[in-house]
PDB file of N, CA and C in Angstrom:
ATOM      1  N   MET A   1     -40.787 -98.668 -23.576  1.00  0.00           N
ATOM      2  CA  MET A   1     -39.731 -99.224 -24.470  1.00  0.00           C
ATOM      3  C   MET A   1     -38.697 -99.887 -23.722  1.00  0.00           C
ATOM      4  N   ARG A   2     -38.336 -99.311 -22.543  1.00  0.00           N
ATOM      5  CA  ARG A   2     -37.252 -99.853 -21.769  1.00  0.00           C
ATOM      6  C   ARG A   2     -37.648-101.287 -21.315  1.00  0.00           C
ATOM      7  N   ASN A   3     -38.798-101.433 -20.795  1.00  0.00           N
ATOM      8  CA  ASN A   3     -39.297-102.715 -20.325  1.00  0.00           C
ATOM      9  C   ASN A   3     -39.401-103.805 -21.449  1.00  0.00           C
ATOM     10  N   LEU A   4     -39.856-103.306 -22.474  1.00  0.00           N
ATOM     11  CA  LEU A   4     -39.870-104.240 -23.683  1.00  0.00           C
ATOM     12  C   LEU A   4     -38.511-104.698 -24.195  1.00  0.00           C
ATOM     13  N   LEU A   5     -37.546-103.732 -24.064  1.00  0.00           N
ATOM     14  CA  LEU A   5     -36.225-104.247 -24.474  1.00  0.00           C
ATOM     15  C   LEU A   5     -35.667-105.099 -23.451  1.00  0.00           C
ATOM     16  N   LEU A   6     -35.848-104.980 -22.186  1.00  0.00           N
ATOM     17  CA  LEU A   6     -35.369-105.890 -21.231  1.00  0.00           C
ATOM     18  C   LEU A   6     -36.031-107.288 -21.352  1.00  0.00           C
ATOM     19  N   LEU A   7     -37.289-107.285 -21.549  1.00  0.00           N
ATOM     20  CA  LEU A   7     -38.113-108.510 -21.726  1.00  0.00           C
ATOM     21  C   LEU A   7     -37.474-109.323 -23.024  1.00  0.00           C
ATOM     22  N   PHE A   8     -37.324-108.555 -24.108  1.00  0.00           N
ATOM     23  CA  PHE A   8     -36.839-109.172 -25.346  1.00  0.00           C
ATOM     24  C   PHE A   8     -35.457-109.779 -25.092  1.00  0.00           C
ATOM     25  N   TYR A   9     -34.644-109.012 -24.448  1.00  0.00           N
ATOM     26  CA  TYR A   9     -33.279-109.484 -24.105  1.00  0.00           C
ATOM     27  C   TYR A   9     -33.333-110.774 -23.311  1.00  0.00           C
ATOM     28  N   LEU A  10     -34.189-110.726 -22.233  1.00  0.00           N
ATOM     29  CA  LEU A  10     -34.360-111.952 -21.466  1.00  0.00           C
ATOM     30  C   LEU A  10     -34.894-113.119 -22.190  1.00  0.00           C
ATOM     31  N   ALA A  11     -35.816-112.923 -23.060  1.00  0.00           N
ATOM     32  CA  ALA A  11     -36.438-113.946 -23.864  1.00  0.00           C
ATOM     33  C   ALA A  11     -35.417-114.687 -24.845  1.00  0.00           C
ATOM     34  N   ILE A  12     -34.648-113.778 -25.449  1.00  0.00           N
ATOM     35  CA  ILE A  12     -33.548-114.286 -26.333  1.00  0.00           C
ATOM     36  C   ILE A  12     -32.518-115.153 -25.588  1.00  0.00           C
ATOM     37  N   ASN A  13     -32.125-114.705 -24.468  1.00  0.00           N
ATOM     38  CA  ASN A  13     -31.070-115.443 -23.581  1.00  0.00           C
ATOM     39  C   ASN A  13     -31.679-116.836 -23.177  1.00  0.00           C
ATOM     40  N   VAL A  14     -32.971-116.764 -22.727  1.00  0.00           N
ATOM     41  CA  VAL A  14     -33.483-118.023 -22.139  1.00  0.00           C
ATOM     42  C   VAL A  14     -33.693-119.004 -23.281  1.00  0.00           C
ATOM     43  N   PHE A  15     -34.110-118.533 -24.431  1.00  0.00           N
ATOM     44  CA  PHE A  15     -34.266-119.310 -25.648  1.00  0.00           C
ATOM     45  C   PHE A  15     -32.949-119.982 -26.155  1.00  0.00           C
ATOM     46  N   LEU A  16     -31.897-119.079 -26.175  1.00  0.00           N
ATOM     47  CA  LEU A  16     -30.531-119.660 -26.453  1.00  0.00           C
ATOM     48  C   LEU A  16     -30.045-120.606 -25.432  1.00  0.00           C
ATOM     49  N   TYR A  17     -30.310-120.284 -24.187  1.00  0.00           N
ATOM     50  CA  TYR A  17     -29.817-121.215 -23.164  1.00  0.00           C
ATOM     51  C   TYR A  17     -30.623-122.581 -23.194  1.00  0.00           C
ATOM     52  N   ILE A  18     -31.855-122.613 -23.453  1.00  0.00           N
ATOM     53  CA  ILE A  18     -32.573-123.880 -23.612  1.00  0.00           C
ATOM     54  C   ILE A  18     -32.054-124.643 -24.789  1.00  0.00           C
ATOM     55  N   LEU A  19     -31.920-123.965 -25.870  1.00  0.00           N
ATOM     56  CA  LEU A  19     -31.495-124.715 -27.194  1.00  0.00           C
ATOM     57  C   LEU A  19     -30.054-125.271 -27.128  1.00  0.00           C
ATOM     58  N   ASN A  20     -29.159-124.552 -26.440  1.00  0.00           N
ATOM     59  CA  ASN A  20     -27.784-124.858 -26.427  1.00  0.00           C
ATOM     60  C   ASN A  20     -27.161-125.134 -25.001  1.00  0.00           C
ATOM     61  N   PHE A  21     -27.970-125.874 -24.277  1.00  0.00           N
ATOM     62  CA  PHE A  21     -27.625-126.110 -22.830  1.00  0.00           C
ATOM     63  C   PHE A  21     -26.214-126.699 -22.631  1.00  0.00           C
ATOM     64  N   GLU A  22     -25.732-127.612 -23.479  1.00  0.00           N
ATOM     65  CA  GLU A  22     -24.438-128.139 -23.321  1.00  0.00           C
ATOM     66  C   GLU A  22     -23.367-127.104 -23.706  1.00  0.00           C
ATOM     67  N   LEU A  23     -23.678-126.268 -24.654  1.00  0.00           N
ATOM     68  CA  LEU A  23     -22.649-125.194 -25.033  1.00  0.00           C
ATOM     69  C   LEU A  23     -22.464-124.210 -23.887  1.00  0.00           C
ATOM     70  N   PHE A  24     -23.648-123.789 -23.320  1.00  0.00           N
ATOM     71  CA  PHE A  24     -23.465-122.838 -22.188  1.00  0.00           C
ATOM     72  C   PHE A  24     -22.906-123.301 -20.976  1.00  0.00           C
ATOM     73  N   ASN A  25     -23.021-124.718 -20.769  1.00  0.00           N
ATOM     74  CA  ASN A  25     -22.471-125.187 -19.532  1.00  0.00           C
ATOM     75  C   ASN A  25     -20.991-125.573 -19.772  1.00  0.00           C
ATOM     76  N   SER A  26     -20.503-125.529 -20.925  1.00  0.00           N
ATOM     77  CA  SER A  26     -18.999-125.903 -21.155  1.00  0.00           C
ATOM     78  C   SER A  26     -18.201-124.718 -20.715  1.00  0.00           C
ATOM     79  N   VAL A  27     -16.828-124.970 -20.459  1.00  0.00           N
ATOM     80  CA  VAL A  27     -15.905-123.886 -20.145  1.00  0.00           C
ATOM     81  C   VAL A  27     -15.011-123.777 -21.394  1.00  0.00           C
ATOM     82  N   VAL A  28     -14.843-122.449 -21.757  1.00  0.00           N
ATOM     83  CA  VAL A  28     -14.051-122.065 -22.879  1.00  0.00           C
ATOM     84  C   VAL A  28     -12.842-121.327 -22.428  1.00  0.00           C
ATOM     85  N   ASP A  29     -11.619-121.618 -23.120  1.00  0.00           N
ATOM     86  CA  ASP A  29     -10.386-120.886 -22.749  1.00  0.00           C
ATOM     87  C   ASP A  29     -10.304-119.839 -23.783  1.00  0.00           C
ATOM     88  N   VAL A  30     -10.172-118.615 -23.281  1.00  0.00           N
ATOM     89  CA  VAL A  30     -10.019-117.406 -24.192  1.00  0.00           C
ATOM     90  C   VAL A  30      -8.603-116.803 -23.921  1.00  0.00           C
ATOM     91  N   ASP A  31      -7.767-116.618 -24.993  1.00  0.00           N
ATOM     92  CA  ASP A  31      -6.543-115.977 -24.888  1.00  0.00           C
ATOM     93  C   ASP A  31      -6.567-114.561 -25.238  1.00  0.00           C
ATOM     94  N   PHE A  32      -6.280-113.729 -24.194  1.00  0.00           N
ATOM     95  CA  PHE A  32      -6.352-112.330 -24.312  1.00  0.00           C
ATOM     96  C   PHE A  32      -4.959-111.783 -24.733  1.00  0.00           C
ATOM     97  N   GLY A  33      -3.933-112.621 -24.813  1.00  0.00           N
ATOM     98  CA  GLY A  33      -2.716-112.062 -25.242  1.00  0.00           C
ATOM     99  C   GLY A  33      -1.738-112.001 -24.173  1.00  0.00           C
ATOM    100  N   PHE A  34      -2.238-111.645 -22.942  1.00  0.00           N
ATOM    101  CA  PHE A  34      -1.344-111.611 -21.837  1.00  0.00           C
ATOM    102  C   PHE A  34      -1.631-112.749 -20.824  1.00  0.00           C
ATOM    103  N   SER A  35      -2.818-113.397 -21.077  1.00  0.00           N
ATOM    104  CA  SER A  35      -3.127-114.490 -20.227  1.00  0.00           C
ATOM    105  C   SER A  35      -4.241-115.328 -20.865  1.00  0.00           C
ATOM    106  N   ILE A  36      -4.487-116.555 -20.413  1.00  0.00           N
ATOM    107  CA  ILE A  36      -5.557-117.391 -20.940  1.00  0.00           C
ATOM    108  C   ILE A  36      -6.591-117.417 -19.707  1.00  0.00           C
ATOM    109  N   VAL A  37      -7.891-117.092 -20.068  1.00  0.00           N
ATOM    110  CA  VAL A  37      -8.864-116.977 -19.066  1.00  0.00           C
ATOM    111  C   VAL A  37      -9.843-118.089 -19.469  1.00  0.00           C
ATOM    112  N   SER A  38     -10.344-118.818 -18.540  1.00  0.00           N
ATOM    113  CA  SER A  38     -11.355-119.919 -18.650  1.00  0.00           C
ATOM    114  C   SER A  38     -12.661-119.264 -18.058  1.00  0.00           C
ATOM    115  N   PHE A  39     -13.828-119.305 -18.803  1.00  0.00           N
ATOM    116  CA  PHE A  39     -15.101-118.924 -18.185  1.00  0.00           C
ATOM    117  C   PHE A  39     -16.171-119.535 -19.099  1.00  0.00           C
ATOM    118  N   MET A  40     -17.439-119.349 -18.726  1.00  0.00           N
ATOM    119  CA  MET A  40     -18.523-120.061 -19.455  1.00  0.00           C
ATOM    120  C   MET A  40     -19.031-119.056 -20.457  1.00  0.00           C
ATOM    121  N   PRO A  41     -19.444-119.445 -21.593  1.00  0.00           N
ATOM    122  CA  PRO A  41     -19.799-118.624 -22.740  1.00  0.00           C
ATOM    123  C   PRO A  41     -21.120-117.970 -22.321  1.00  0.00           C
ATOM    124  N   ILE A  42     -22.021-118.359 -21.442  1.00  0.00           N
ATOM    125  CA  ILE A  42     -23.208-117.722 -21.079  1.00  0.00           C
ATOM    126  C   ILE A  42     -22.849-116.404 -20.272  1.00  0.00           C
ATOM    127  N   ILE A  43     -21.745-116.386 -19.580  1.00  0.00           N
ATOM    128  CA  ILE A  43     -21.325-115.217 -18.897  1.00  0.00           C
ATOM    129  C   ILE A  43     -20.890-114.022 -19.779  1.00  0.00           C
ATOM    130  N   MET A  44     -20.170-114.632 -20.862  1.00  0.00           N
ATOM    131  CA  MET A  44     -19.718-113.620 -21.801  1.00  0.00           C
ATOM    132  C   MET A  44     -20.918-112.989 -22.659  1.00  0.00           C
ATOM    133  N   LEU A  45     -21.827-113.854 -22.932  1.00  0.00           N
ATOM    134  CA  LEU A  45     -23.058-113.412 -23.702  1.00  0.00           C
ATOM    135  C   LEU A  45     -23.878-112.403 -22.810  1.00  0.00           C
ATOM    136  N   GLN A  46     -23.870-112.772 -21.505  1.00  0.00           N
ATOM    137  CA  GLN A  46     -24.771-111.929 -20.607  1.00  0.00           C
ATOM    138  C   GLN A  46     -23.984-110.647 -20.408  1.00  0.00           C
ATOM    139  N   VAL A  47     -22.744-110.563 -20.356  1.00  0.00           N
ATOM    140  CA  VAL A  47     -22.047-109.324 -20.176  1.00  0.00           C
ATOM    141  C   VAL A  47     -22.086-108.438 -21.405  1.00  0.00           C
ATOM    142  N   ILE A  48     -21.871-109.062 -22.551  1.00  0.00           N
ATOM    143  CA  ILE A  48     -22.044-108.205 -23.837  1.00  0.00           C
ATOM    144  C   ILE A  48     -23.464-107.776 -24.058  1.00  0.00           C
ATOM    145  N   GLY A  49     -24.431-108.584 -23.790  1.00  0.00           N
ATOM    146  CA  GLY A  49     -25.776-108.124 -23.936  1.00  0.00           C
ATOM    147  C   GLY A  49     -26.180-107.043 -22.982  1.00  0.00           C
ATOM    148  N   LEU A  50     -25.720-107.152 -21.717  1.00  0.00           N
ATOM    149  CA  LEU A  50     -26.076-106.231 -20.639  1.00  0.00           C
ATOM    150  C   LEU A  50     -25.421-104.878 -21.031  1.00  0.00           C
ATOM    151  N   HIS A  51     -24.349-104.881 -21.691  1.00  0.00           N
ATOM    152  CA  HIS A  51     -23.736-103.608 -22.040  1.00  0.00           C
ATOM    153  C   HIS A  51     -24.765-102.854 -23.079  1.00  0.00           C
ATOM    154  N   PHE A  52     -25.182-103.646 -24.021  1.00  0.00           N
ATOM    155  CA  PHE A  52     -26.150-103.073 -25.108  1.00  0.00           C
ATOM    156  C   PHE A  52     -27.428-102.693 -24.391  1.00  0.00           C
ATOM    157  N   VAL A  53     -27.970-103.428 -23.383  1.00  0.00           N
ATOM    158  CA  VAL A  53     -29.189-103.145 -22.815  1.00  0.00           C
ATOM    159  C   VAL A  53     -29.018-101.848 -22.053  1.00  0.00           C
ATOM    160  N   ILE A  54     -27.947-101.674 -21.299  1.00  0.00           N
ATOM    161  CA  ILE A  54     -27.579-100.485 -20.499  1.00  0.00           C
ATOM    162  C   ILE A  54     -27.580 -99.281 -21.480  1.00  0.00           C
ATOM    163  N   PHE A  55     -26.847 -99.477 -22.556  1.00  0.00           N
ATOM    164  CA  PHE A  55     -26.717 -98.307 -23.505  1.00  0.00           C
ATOM    165  C   PHE A  55     -28.054 -97.919 -23.973  1.00  0.00           C
ATOM    166  N   PHE A  56     -28.894 -98.833 -24.502  1.00  0.00           N
ATOM    167  CA  PHE A  56     -30.286 -98.467 -24.944  1.00  0.00           C
ATOM    168  C   PHE A  56     -31.201 -97.893 -23.870  1.00  0.00           C
ATOM    169  N   TYR A  57     -30.941 -98.385 -22.647  1.00  0.00           N
ATOM    170  CA  TYR A  57     -31.734 -97.920 -21.493  1.00  0.00           C
ATOM    171  C   TYR A  57     -31.483 -96.415 -21.260  1.00  0.00           C
ATOM    172  N   PHE A  58     -30.177 -95.964 -21.197  1.00  0.00           N
ATOM    173  CA  PHE A  58     -29.804 -94.631 -21.113  1.00  0.00           C
ATOM    174  C   PHE A  58     -30.184 -93.785 -22.216  1.00  0.00           C
ATOM    175  N   LEU A  59     -30.071 -94.408 -23.455  1.00  0.00           N
ATOM    176  CA  LEU A  59     -30.504 -93.608 -24.647  1.00  0.00           C
ATOM    177  C   LEU A  59     -32.015 -93.341 -24.611  1.00  0.00           C
ATOM    178  N   ASP A  60     -32.776 -94.256 -24.182  1.00  0.00           N
ATOM    179  CA  ASP A  60     -34.248 -94.075 -24.087  1.00  0.00           C
ATOM    180  C   ASP A  60     -34.552 -93.119 -22.928  1.00  0.00           C
ATOM    181  N   LYS A  61     -33.898 -93.234 -21.855  1.00  0.00           N
ATOM    182  CA  LYS A  61     -34.178 -92.314 -20.691  1.00  0.00           C
ATOM    183  C   LYS A  61     -33.784 -90.858 -21.133  1.00  0.00           C
ATOM    184  N   ASN A  62     -32.687 -90.723 -21.771  1.00  0.00           N
ATOM    185  CA  ASN A  62     -32.330 -89.386 -22.360  1.00  0.00           C
ATOM    186  C   ASN A  62     -33.383 -88.777 -23.158  1.00  0.00           C
ATOM    187  N   LYS A  63     -33.800 -89.674 -24.018  1.00  0.00           N
ATOM    188  CA  LYS A  63     -34.941 -89.198 -24.986  1.00  0.00           C
ATOM    189  C   LYS A  63     -36.132 -88.797 -24.220  1.00  0.00           C
ATOM    190  N   GLU A  64     -36.560 -89.561 -23.143  1.00  0.00           N
ATOM    191  CA  GLU A  64     -37.677 -89.201 -22.394  1.00  0.00           C
ATOM    192  C   GLU A  64     -37.484 -87.903 -21.654  1.00  0.00           C
ATOM    193  N   ILE A  65     -36.230 -87.658 -21.134  1.00  0.00           N
ATOM    194  CA  ILE A  65     -36.033 -86.406 -20.404  1.00  0.00           C
ATOM    195  C   ILE A  65     -36.139 -85.285 -21.309  1.00  0.00           C
ATOM    196  N   ASN A  66     -35.568 -85.360 -22.508  1.00  0.00           N
ATOM    197  CA  ASN A  66     -35.650 -84.348 -23.538  1.00  0.00           C
ATOM    198  C   ASN A  66     -37.113 -83.930 -23.859  1.00  0.00           C
ATOM    199  N   HIS A  67     -37.857 -85.074 -24.052  1.00  0.00           N
ATOM    200  CA  HIS A  67     -39.336 -84.894 -24.366  1.00  0.00           C
ATOM    201  C   HIS A  67     -40.096 -84.109 -23.258  1.00  0.00           C
ATOM    202  N   HIS A  68     -39.737 -84.618 -22.015  1.00  0.00           N
ATOM    203  CA  HIS A  68     -40.416 -83.995 -20.883  1.00  0.00           C
ATOM    204  C   HIS A  68     -40.012 -82.495 -20.784  1.00  0.00           C
ATOM    205  N   ASN A  69     -38.715 -82.150 -21.044  1.00  0.00           N
ATOM    206  CA  ASN A  69     -38.221 -80.824 -20.974  1.00  0.00           C
ATOM    207  C   ASN A  69     -38.952 -79.964 -22.086  1.00  0.00           C
ATOM    208  N   ALA A  70     -39.121 -80.545 -23.184  1.00  0.00           N
ATOM    209  CA  ALA A  70     -39.837 -79.760 -24.249  1.00  0.00           C
ATOM    210  C   ALA A  70     -41.263 -79.429 -23.946  1.00  0.00           C
ATOM    211  N   ILE A  71     -41.909 -80.450 -23.313  1.00  0.00           N
ATOM    212  CA  ILE A  71     -43.201 -80.236 -22.889  1.00  0.00           C
ATOM    213  C   ILE A  71     -43.371 -79.063 -21.853  1.00  0.00           C
ATOM    214  N   GLU A  72     -42.440 -79.191 -20.905  1.00  0.00           N
ATOM    215  CA  GLU A  72     -42.449 -78.173 -19.852  1.00  0.00           C
ATOM    216  C   GLU A  72     -42.154 -76.726 -20.467  1.00  0.00           C
ATOM    217  N   LYS A  73     -41.215 -76.675 -21.401  1.00  0.00           N
ATOM    218  CA  LYS A  73     -41.062 -75.372 -22.001  1.00  0.00           C
ATOM    219  C   LYS A  73     -42.316 -74.905 -22.747  1.00  0.00           C
ATOM    220  N   LEU A  74     -42.961 -75.648 -23.411  1.00  0.00           N
ATOM    221  CA  LEU A  74     -44.232 -75.324 -24.101  1.00  0.00           C
ATOM    222  C   LEU A  74     -45.232 -74.925 -23.183  1.00  0.00           C
ATOM    223  N   LYS A  75     -45.369 -75.606 -21.972  1.00  0.00           N
ATOM    224  CA  LYS A  75     -46.385 -75.252 -20.996  1.00  0.00           C
ATOM    225  C   LYS A  75     -46.069 -73.892 -20.407  1.00  0.00           C
ATOM    226  N   ASP A  76     -44.770 -73.583 -20.216  1.00  0.00           N
ATOM    227  CA  ASP A  76     -44.368 -72.316 -19.735  1.00  0.00           C
ATOM    228  C   ASP A  76     -44.788 -71.201 -20.699  1.00  0.00           C
ATOM    229  N   HIS A  77     -44.477 -71.445 -21.921  1.00  0.00           N
ATOM    230  CA  HIS A  77     -44.717 -70.520 -23.025  1.00  0.00           C
ATOM    231  C   HIS A  77     -46.169 -70.265 -23.120  1.00  0.00           C
ATOM    232  N   VAL A  78     -47.072 -71.220 -23.007  1.00  0.00           N
ATOM    233  CA  VAL A  78     -48.479 -71.093 -23.045  1.00  0.00           C
ATOM    234  C   VAL A  78     -48.928 -70.298 -21.905  1.00  0.00           C
ATOM    235  N   THR A  79     -48.407 -70.646 -20.710  1.00  0.00           N
ATOM    236  CA  THR A  79     -48.746 -69.718 -19.518  1.00  0.00           C
ATOM    237  C   THR A  79     -48.406 -68.315 -19.716  1.00  0.00           C
ATOM    238  N   ILE A  80     -47.263 -67.924 -20.268  1.00  0.00           N
ATOM    239  CA  ILE A  80     -46.911 -66.610 -20.502  1.00  0.00           C
ATOM    240  C   ILE A  80     -47.853 -65.985 -21.533  1.00  0.00           C
ATOM    241  N   LEU A  81     -48.192 -66.626 -22.536  1.00  0.00           N
ATOM    242  CA  LEU A  81     -49.058 -66.146 -23.488  1.00  0.00           C
ATOM    243  C   LEU A  81     -50.458 -65.860 -22.865  1.00  0.00           C
ATOM    244  N   GLU A  82     -50.923 -66.798 -22.070  1.00  0.00           N
ATOM    245  CA  GLU A  82     -52.196 -66.611 -21.445  1.00  0.00           C
ATOM    246  C   GLU A  82     -52.186 -65.352 -20.472  1.00  0.00           C
ATOM    247  N   LYS A  83     -51.073 -65.118 -19.769  1.00  0.00           N
ATOM    248  CA  LYS A  83     -51.007 -64.010 -18.991  1.00  0.00           C
ATOM    249  C   LYS A  83     -51.035 -62.709 -19.781  1.00  0.00           C
ATOM    250  N   ASP A  84     -50.268 -62.814 -20.936  1.00  0.00           N
ATOM    251  CA  ASP A  84     -50.278 -61.605 -21.853  1.00  0.00           C
ATOM    252  C   ASP A  84     -51.682 -61.187 -22.370  1.00  0.00           C
ATOM    253  N   ILE A  85     -52.429 -62.368 -22.629  1.00  0.00           N
ATOM    254  CA  ILE A  85     -53.787 -62.064 -23.149  1.00  0.00           C
ATOM    255  C   ILE A  85     -54.689 -61.603 -22.109  1.00  0.00           C
ATOM    256  N   GLU A  86     -54.469 -61.958 -20.851  1.00  0.00           N
ATOM    257  CA  GLU A  86     -55.272 -61.356 -19.676  1.00  0.00           C
ATOM    258  C   GLU A  86     -54.943 -59.958 -19.506  1.00  0.00           C
ATOM    259  N   ILE A  87     -53.599 -59.597 -19.621  1.00  0.00           N
ATOM    260  CA  ILE A  87     -53.291 -58.133 -19.437  1.00  0.00           C
ATOM    261  C   ILE A  87     -53.831 -57.358 -20.591  1.00  0.00           C
ATOM    262  N   ILE A  88     -53.935 -57.795 -21.755  1.00  0.00           N
ATOM    263  CA  ILE A  88     -54.384 -57.155 -22.903  1.00  0.00           C
ATOM    264  C   ILE A  88     -55.849 -56.930 -22.706  1.00  0.00           C
ATOM    265  N   ASN A  89     -56.615 -57.987 -22.273  1.00  0.00           N
ATOM    266  CA  ASN A  89     -57.989 -57.888 -22.036  1.00  0.00           C
ATOM    267  C   ASN A  89     -58.279 -56.850 -20.906  1.00  0.00           C
ATOM    268  N   LEU A  90     -57.504 -56.855 -19.871  1.00  0.00           N
ATOM    269  CA  LEU A  90     -57.736 -55.801 -18.744  1.00  0.00           C
ATOM    270  C   LEU A  90     -57.588 -54.343 -19.281  1.00  0.00           C
ATOM    271  N   LYS A  91     -56.497 -54.233 -20.093  1.00  0.00           N
ATOM    272  CA  LYS A  91     -56.244 -52.852 -20.655  1.00  0.00           C
ATOM    273  C   LYS A  91     -57.341 -52.419 -21.650  1.00  0.00           C
ATOM    274  N   PHE A  92     -57.879 -53.370 -22.390  1.00  0.00           N
ATOM    275  CA  PHE A  92     -59.043 -53.073 -23.345  1.00  0.00           C
ATOM    276  C   PHE A  92     -60.208 -52.811 -22.532  1.00  0.00           C
ATOM    277  N   ALA A  93     -60.437 -53.583 -21.476  1.00  0.00           N
ATOM    278  CA  ALA A  93     -61.761 -53.244 -20.687  1.00  0.00           C
ATOM    279  C   ALA A  93     -61.549 -51.993 -19.922  1.00  0.00           C
ATOM    280  N   ASN A  94     -60.376 -51.643 -19.507  1.00  0.00           N
ATOM    281  CA  ASN A  94     -60.088 -50.315 -18.895  1.00  0.00           C
ATOM    282  C   ASN A  94     -60.424 -49.167 -19.862  1.00  0.00           C
ATOM    283  N   GLN A  95     -60.020 -49.286 -21.084  1.00  0.00           N
ATOM    284  CA  GLN A  95     -60.180 -48.264 -22.098  1.00  0.00           C
ATOM    285  C   GLN A  95     -61.666 -48.112 -22.467  1.00  0.00           C
ATOM    286  N   ILE A  96     -62.478 -49.086 -22.363  1.00  0.00           N
ATOM    287  CA  ILE A  96     -63.956 -48.999 -22.690  1.00  0.00           C
ATOM    288  C   ILE A  96     -64.678 -48.335 -21.665  1.00  0.00           C
ATOM    289  N   GLN A  97     -64.255 -48.578 -20.361  1.00  0.00           N
ATOM    290  CA  GLN A  97     -64.979 -48.125 -19.183  1.00  0.00           C
ATOM    291  C   GLN A  97     -64.676 -46.649 -18.974  1.00  0.00           C
ATOM    292  N   THR A  98     -63.651 -46.192 -19.399  1.00  0.00           N
ATOM    293  CA  THR A  98     -63.285 -44.630 -19.142  1.00  0.00           C
ATOM    294  C   THR A  98     -63.796 -43.891 -20.239  1.00  0.00           C
ATOM    295  N   PRO A  99     -64.694 -42.995 -20.049  1.00  0.00           N
ATOM    296  CA  PRO A  99     -65.223 -42.235 -21.287  1.00  0.00           C
ATOM    297  C   PRO A  99     -64.126 -41.218 -21.730  1.00  0.00           C
ATOM    298  N   VAL A 100     -64.088 -40.998 -22.944  1.00  0.00           N
ATOM    299  CA  VAL A 100     -63.184 -39.978 -23.439  1.00  0.00           C
ATOM    300  C   VAL A 100     -63.960 -38.676 -23.726  1.00  0.00           C
ATOM    301  N   VAL A 101     -63.563 -37.599 -23.142  1.00  0.00           N
ATOM    302  CA  VAL A 101     -64.209 -36.287 -23.294  1.00  0.00           C
ATOM    303  C   VAL A 101     -63.452 -35.556 -24.224  1.00  0.00           C
ATOM    304  N   GLU A 102     -64.205 -35.255 -25.409  1.00  0.00           N
ATOM    305  CA  GLU A 102     -63.508 -34.449 -26.495  1.00  0.00           C
ATOM    306  C   GLU A 102     -63.872 -33.007 -26.393  1.00  0.00           C
ATOM    307  N   PRO A 103     -62.977 -32.146 -26.602  1.00  0.00           N
ATOM    308  CA  PRO A 103     -63.441 -30.731 -26.484  1.00  0.00           C
ATOM    309  C   PRO A 103     -64.367 -30.401 -27.632  1.00  0.00           C
ATOM    310  N   VAL A 104     -65.328 -29.508 -27.389  1.00  0.00           N
ATOM    311  CA  VAL A 104     -66.276 -29.152 -28.408  1.00  0.00           C
ATOM    312  C   VAL A 104     -65.778 -27.957 -29.053  1.00  0.00           C
ATOM    313  N   ILE A 105     -65.522 -27.976 -30.450  1.00  0.00           N
ATOM    314  CA  ILE A 105     -65.073 -26.876 -31.073  1.00  0.00           C
ATOM    315  C   ILE A 105     -66.231 -26.342 -31.843  1.00  0.00           C
ATOM    316  N   GLU A 106     -66.539 -25.122 -31.718  1.00  0.00           N
ATOM    317  CA  GLU A 106     -67.474 -24.491 -32.484  1.00  0.00           C
ATOM    318  C   GLU A 106     -67.093 -24.030 -33.874  1.00  0.00           C
ATOM    319  N   ASP A 107     -67.821 -24.138 -34.763  1.00  0.00           N
ATOM    320  CA  ASP A 107     -67.454 -23.740 -36.143  1.00  0.00           C
ATOM    321  C   ASP A 107     -67.365 -22.150 -36.154  1.00  0.00           C
ATOM    322  N   SER A 108     -66.149 -21.634 -36.388  1.00  0.00           N
ATOM    323  CA  SER A 108     -65.921 -20.253 -36.365  1.00  0.00           C
ATOM    324  C   SER A 108     -66.352 -19.678 -37.707  1.00  0.00           C
ATOM    325  N   MET A 109     -66.664 -20.379 -38.667  1.00  0.00           N
ATOM    326  CA  MET A 109     -67.050 -19.835 -39.931  1.00  0.00           C
ATOM    327  C   MET A 109     -68.521 -19.333 -39.830  1.00  0.00           C
ATOM    328  N   GLU A 110     -69.288 -19.912 -38.943  1.00  0.00           N
ATOM    329  CA  GLU A 110     -70.780 -19.354 -38.735  1.00  0.00           C
ATOM    330  C   GLU A 110     -70.750 -18.058 -38.196  1.00  0.00           C
ATOM    331  N   GLU A 111     -69.849 -17.670 -37.320  1.00  0.00           N
ATOM    332  CA  GLU A 111     -69.771 -16.462 -36.774  1.00  0.00           C
ATOM    333  C   GLU A 111     -69.401 -15.279 -37.663  1.00  0.00           C
ATOM    334  N   ILE A 112     -68.544 -15.616 -38.669  1.00  0.00           N
ATOM    335  CA  ILE A 112     -68.180 -14.650 -39.628  1.00  0.00           C
ATOM    336  C   ILE A 112     -69.271 -14.345 -40.660  1.00  0.00           C
ATOM    337  N   VAL A 113     -69.991 -15.206 -41.033  1.00  0.00           N
ATOM    338  CA  VAL A 113     -71.037 -15.032 -41.989  1.00  0.00           C
ATOM    339  C   VAL A 113     -72.168 -14.408 -41.505  1.00  0.00           C
TER     340      VAL A 113
END
């Protein structure tokens, strides 16, 4: 996504630069209130566009990091559950192998009769 965004940004800027070559090569005076600054419009376009690209880059990177963290948490949870299943299986296997000896109780009613 990030590479596609950068490629799209570059394609638009090159397309606009080719179509408006005279406009981008001219110098524009911009009044900021405290002074008048002269610069080329392509520089202003590049700076504004670069701010948006950097913002979307970090937004996408943050989303990727969150996605990676969620996957790691799920893997950890699956590992814990697998270990719990293994412990339960060992306990169950241990219960089957040890015979349980029950005391034999004779019926006391037969002796009375």
